[in-house]
Amino acid sequence: MSLPKGVINCVGDCRISAHKQQEGSSLDDQDKIVRNFAISKGWNVLKVFSKVYSGRAEERGDFQEILDYINEQKRDGIQVHYYIVKAID
């Protein structure tokens, strides 16, 4: 499947620790923020990835999953222009 030329595509990444979730933040909140940001720019959201972490993770295998998805899209003729996260902390 290929999208019309000129479409700006993006993927989102929502991550939360169990501790942050208790502070009132949630994956749903982040998903809305990511999607609303993309919509405000006129971008097409291909996929939003979500993950809950129970503690500190030095290596996060889900990032490789995101890269694999982006490469898969590229092989199918779909370019992913942007990777959106709410925060990098």
N, C-alpha and C. Protein backbone atom coordinates (compact mmCIF):
# COMPACT_ATOMS: atom_id res chain seq x y z
N MET A 1 0.85 -1.17 0.00
CA MET A 1 0.00 0.00 0.00
C MET A 1 0.90 1.23 0.00
N SER A 2 0.69 2.13 -0.92
CA SER A 2 1.45 3.36 -0.86
C SER A 2 0.48 4.52 -0.77
N LEU A 3 0.92 5.54 -0.08
CA LEU A 3 0.08 6.71 0.15
C LEU A 3 0.37 7.76 -0.90
N PRO A 4 -0.54 8.71 -1.11
CA PRO A 4 -0.31 9.76 -2.09
C PRO A 4 0.97 10.54 -1.79
N LYS A 5 1.64 10.99 -2.85
CA LYS A 5 2.86 11.79 -2.68
C LYS A 5 2.51 13.08 -1.97
N GLY A 6 3.43 13.58 -1.19
CA GLY A 6 3.21 14.81 -0.45
C GLY A 6 2.65 14.60 0.94
N VAL A 7 2.24 13.37 1.26
CA VAL A 7 1.72 13.08 2.60
C VAL A 7 2.91 12.95 3.55
N ILE A 8 2.83 13.63 4.67
CA ILE A 8 3.86 13.54 5.71
C ILE A 8 3.40 12.51 6.73
N ASN A 9 4.18 11.43 6.84
CA ASN A 9 3.84 10.34 7.75
C ASN A 9 4.68 10.38 9.00
N CYS A 10 4.09 9.90 10.08
CA CYS A 10 4.82 9.84 11.34
C CYS A 10 4.39 8.61 12.14
N VAL A 11 5.22 8.26 13.11
CA VAL A 11 4.88 7.26 14.10
C VAL A 11 5.04 7.90 15.46
N GLY A 12 4.29 7.43 16.42
CA GLY A 12 4.36 7.95 17.77
C GLY A 12 4.86 6.89 18.73
N ASP A 13 5.40 7.34 19.84
CA ASP A 13 5.93 6.43 20.86
C ASP A 13 5.49 6.95 22.22
N CYS A 14 4.69 6.16 22.91
CA CYS A 14 4.20 6.50 24.24
C CYS A 14 4.81 5.53 25.24
N ARG A 15 5.46 6.09 26.23
CA ARG A 15 6.11 5.27 27.26
C ARG A 15 5.76 5.82 28.62
N ILE A 16 5.55 4.92 29.55
CA ILE A 16 5.24 5.36 30.90
C ILE A 16 5.74 4.32 31.89
N SER A 17 6.19 4.78 33.03
CA SER A 17 6.58 3.85 34.09
C SER A 17 5.38 3.65 35.00
N ALA A 18 5.38 2.58 35.72
CA ALA A 18 4.29 2.33 36.66
C ALA A 18 4.21 3.47 37.67
N HIS A 19 5.36 4.03 38.06
CA HIS A 19 5.41 5.14 39.01
C HIS A 19 4.72 6.38 38.42
N LYS A 20 5.02 6.73 37.18
CA LYS A 20 4.42 7.91 36.55
C LYS A 20 2.91 7.74 36.40
N GLN A 21 2.49 6.51 36.10
CA GLN A 21 1.07 6.25 35.94
C GLN A 21 0.32 6.57 37.22
N GLN A 22 0.95 6.32 38.36
CA GLN A 22 0.33 6.62 39.64
C GLN A 22 0.25 8.12 39.88
N GLU A 23 1.09 8.90 39.18
CA GLU A 23 1.09 10.35 39.35
C GLU A 23 0.05 11.03 38.47
N GLY A 24 -0.75 10.27 37.74
CA GLY A 24 -1.83 10.85 36.95
C GLY A 24 -1.57 10.91 35.47
N SER A 25 -0.39 10.55 35.02
CA SER A 25 -0.09 10.51 33.59
C SER A 25 -0.51 9.13 33.09
N SER A 26 -0.83 9.03 31.81
CA SER A 26 -1.23 7.73 31.28
C SER A 26 -0.85 7.60 29.82
N LEU A 27 -0.85 6.37 29.35
CA LEU A 27 -0.59 6.12 27.94
C LEU A 27 -1.65 6.77 27.06
N ASP A 28 -2.90 6.75 27.52
CA ASP A 28 -3.97 7.38 26.75
C ASP A 28 -3.73 8.88 26.59
N ASP A 29 -3.28 9.53 27.67
CA ASP A 29 -2.97 10.96 27.61
C ASP A 29 -1.87 11.23 26.58
N GLN A 30 -0.81 10.42 26.64
CA GLN A 30 0.29 10.60 25.69
C GLN A 30 -0.15 10.33 24.26
N ASP A 31 -0.97 9.31 24.07
CA ASP A 31 -1.48 8.99 22.73
C ASP A 31 -2.24 10.19 22.16
N LYS A 32 -3.09 10.79 22.98
CA LYS A 32 -3.85 11.96 22.53
C LYS A 32 -2.93 13.12 22.18
N ILE A 33 -1.91 13.34 23.01
CA ILE A 33 -0.96 14.43 22.76
C ILE A 33 -0.22 14.20 21.45
N VAL A 34 0.27 12.99 21.24
CA VAL A 34 0.99 12.65 20.01
C VAL A 34 0.09 12.85 18.79
N ARG A 35 -1.12 12.29 18.85
CA ARG A 35 -2.03 12.40 17.71
C ARG A 35 -2.47 13.84 17.45
N ASN A 36 -2.76 14.58 18.50
CA ASN A 36 -3.16 15.99 18.33
C ASN A 36 -2.03 16.82 17.75
N PHE A 37 -0.80 16.55 18.17
CA PHE A 37 0.34 17.26 17.61
C PHE A 37 0.45 16.99 16.11
N ALA A 38 0.36 15.71 15.75
CA ALA A 38 0.45 15.34 14.32
C ALA A 38 -0.67 16.00 13.52
N ILE A 39 -1.88 15.96 14.04
CA ILE A 39 -3.02 16.58 13.35
C ILE A 39 -2.79 18.07 13.18
N SER A 40 -2.25 18.73 14.21
CA SER A 40 -2.01 20.17 14.14
C SER A 40 -1.01 20.52 13.03
N LYS A 41 -0.14 19.58 12.69
CA LYS A 41 0.85 19.78 11.64
C LYS A 41 0.35 19.29 10.27
N GLY A 42 -0.79 18.60 10.28
CA GLY A 42 -1.32 18.05 9.03
C GLY A 42 -0.65 16.74 8.63
N TRP A 43 -0.06 16.05 9.60
CA TRP A 43 0.64 14.80 9.34
C TRP A 43 -0.29 13.60 9.50
N ASN A 44 0.07 12.52 8.81
CA ASN A 44 -0.65 11.26 8.87
C ASN A 44 0.03 10.34 9.89
N VAL A 45 -0.72 9.90 10.90
CA VAL A 45 -0.18 8.98 11.91
C VAL A 45 -0.35 7.56 11.41
N LEU A 46 0.77 6.90 11.16
CA LEU A 46 0.73 5.51 10.71
C LEU A 46 0.48 4.55 11.86
N LYS A 47 1.13 4.82 12.99
CA LYS A 47 1.00 3.92 14.14
C LYS A 47 1.53 4.62 15.38
N VAL A 48 0.92 4.31 16.53
CA VAL A 48 1.43 4.79 17.81
C VAL A 48 1.76 3.57 18.66
N PHE A 49 3.00 3.50 19.08
CA PHE A 49 3.48 2.40 19.93
C PHE A 49 3.29 2.81 21.38
N SER A 50 2.94 1.85 22.23
CA SER A 50 2.73 2.12 23.66
C SER A 50 3.42 1.05 24.49
N LYS A 51 4.03 1.48 25.59
CA LYS A 51 4.73 0.54 26.46
C LYS A 51 4.73 1.04 27.89
N VAL A 52 4.48 0.14 28.83
CA VAL A 52 4.59 0.44 30.26
C VAL A 52 5.87 -0.22 30.77
N TYR A 53 6.68 0.56 31.48
CA TYR A 53 7.91 0.04 32.08
C TYR A 53 7.72 0.00 33.58
N SER A 54 8.13 -1.11 34.16
CA SER A 54 7.96 -1.24 35.60
C SER A 54 9.16 -0.67 36.36
N GLY A 55 10.22 -0.39 35.68
CA GLY A 55 11.41 0.16 36.33
C GLY A 55 12.37 0.69 35.31
N ARG A 56 13.57 0.96 35.74
CA ARG A 56 14.59 1.52 34.85
C ARG A 56 15.04 0.45 33.85
N ALA A 57 15.02 0.81 32.58
CA ALA A 57 15.43 -0.12 31.54
C ALA A 57 16.58 0.50 30.75
N GLU A 58 17.72 -0.14 30.78
CA GLU A 58 18.88 0.39 30.05
C GLU A 58 18.73 0.15 28.55
N GLU A 59 18.28 -1.02 28.18
CA GLU A 59 18.07 -1.32 26.77
C GLU A 59 16.59 -1.59 26.57
N ARG A 60 16.01 -0.87 25.66
CA ARG A 60 14.58 -1.02 25.42
C ARG A 60 14.37 -1.65 24.05
N GLY A 61 14.00 -2.92 24.05
CA GLY A 61 13.80 -3.67 22.82
C GLY A 61 12.69 -3.12 21.96
N ASP A 62 11.77 -2.39 22.56
CA ASP A 62 10.65 -1.87 21.77
C ASP A 62 11.13 -0.80 20.78
N PHE A 63 12.26 -0.14 21.05
CA PHE A 63 12.75 0.84 20.09
C PHE A 63 13.17 0.14 18.81
N GLN A 64 13.76 -1.04 18.93
CA GLN A 64 14.10 -1.83 17.74
C GLN A 64 12.84 -2.21 16.98
N GLU A 65 11.77 -2.51 17.71
CA GLU A 65 10.48 -2.82 17.07
C GLU A 65 10.00 -1.63 16.23
N ILE A 66 10.17 -0.43 16.75
CA ILE A 66 9.77 0.78 16.03
C ILE A 66 10.63 0.95 14.78
N LEU A 67 11.94 0.76 14.91
CA LEU A 67 12.83 0.86 13.75
C LEU A 67 12.48 -0.18 12.70
N ASP A 68 12.18 -1.40 13.13
CA ASP A 68 11.78 -2.45 12.20
C ASP A 68 10.50 -2.06 11.45
N TYR A 69 9.55 -1.47 12.17
CA TYR A 69 8.30 -1.02 11.55
C TYR A 69 8.58 0.05 10.50
N ILE A 70 9.43 1.01 10.84
CA ILE A 70 9.77 2.08 9.90
C ILE A 70 10.44 1.51 8.66
N ASN A 71 11.35 0.57 8.85
CA ASN A 71 12.02 -0.07 7.70
C ASN A 71 11.05 -0.89 6.86
N GLU A 72 10.10 -1.54 7.51
CA GLU A 72 9.07 -2.30 6.79
C GLU A 72 8.23 -1.36 5.92
N GLN A 73 7.88 -0.21 6.48
CA GLN A 73 7.11 0.77 5.71
C GLN A 73 7.91 1.24 4.50
N LYS A 74 9.19 1.47 4.71
CA LYS A 74 10.06 1.92 3.62
C LYS A 74 10.11 0.89 2.50
N ARG A 75 10.22 -0.39 2.87
CA ARG A 75 10.22 -1.46 1.86
C ARG A 75 8.91 -1.49 1.08
N ASP A 76 7.82 -1.08 1.74
CA ASP A 76 6.51 -1.04 1.08
C ASP A 76 6.27 0.27 0.34
N GLY A 77 7.28 1.13 0.29
CA GLY A 77 7.15 2.39 -0.43
C GLY A 77 6.54 3.53 0.36
N ILE A 78 6.46 3.36 1.68
CA ILE A 78 5.88 4.39 2.54
C ILE A 78 7.00 4.98 3.40
N GLN A 79 7.21 6.27 3.27
CA GLN A 79 8.25 6.94 4.04
C GLN A 79 7.69 7.45 5.36
N VAL A 80 8.41 7.18 6.43
CA VAL A 80 8.08 7.74 7.74
C VAL A 80 8.99 8.95 7.92
N HIS A 81 8.39 10.12 8.01
CA HIS A 81 9.15 11.36 8.09
C HIS A 81 9.51 11.76 9.51
N TYR A 82 8.62 11.46 10.46
CA TYR A 82 8.83 11.92 11.83
C TYR A 82 8.49 10.84 12.84
N TYR A 83 9.23 10.90 13.96
CA TYR A 83 9.03 10.02 15.12
C TYR A 83 8.68 10.96 16.27
N ILE A 84 7.49 10.80 16.84
CA ILE A 84 7.00 11.74 17.85
C ILE A 84 6.94 11.07 19.21
N VAL A 85 7.49 11.76 20.20
CA VAL A 85 7.37 11.36 21.61
C VAL A 85 6.92 12.58 22.40
N LYS A 86 6.24 12.34 23.51
CA LYS A 86 5.80 13.46 24.36
C LYS A 86 6.99 14.12 25.05
N ALA A 87 7.89 13.30 25.58
CA ALA A 87 9.06 13.81 26.28
C ALA A 87 10.16 12.74 26.22
N ILE A 88 11.39 13.19 26.41
CA ILE A 88 12.50 12.23 26.37
C ILE A 88 13.10 11.98 27.74
N ASP A 89 12.39 12.39 28.79
CA ASP A 89 12.91 12.17 30.14
C ASP A 89 12.67 10.78 30.64
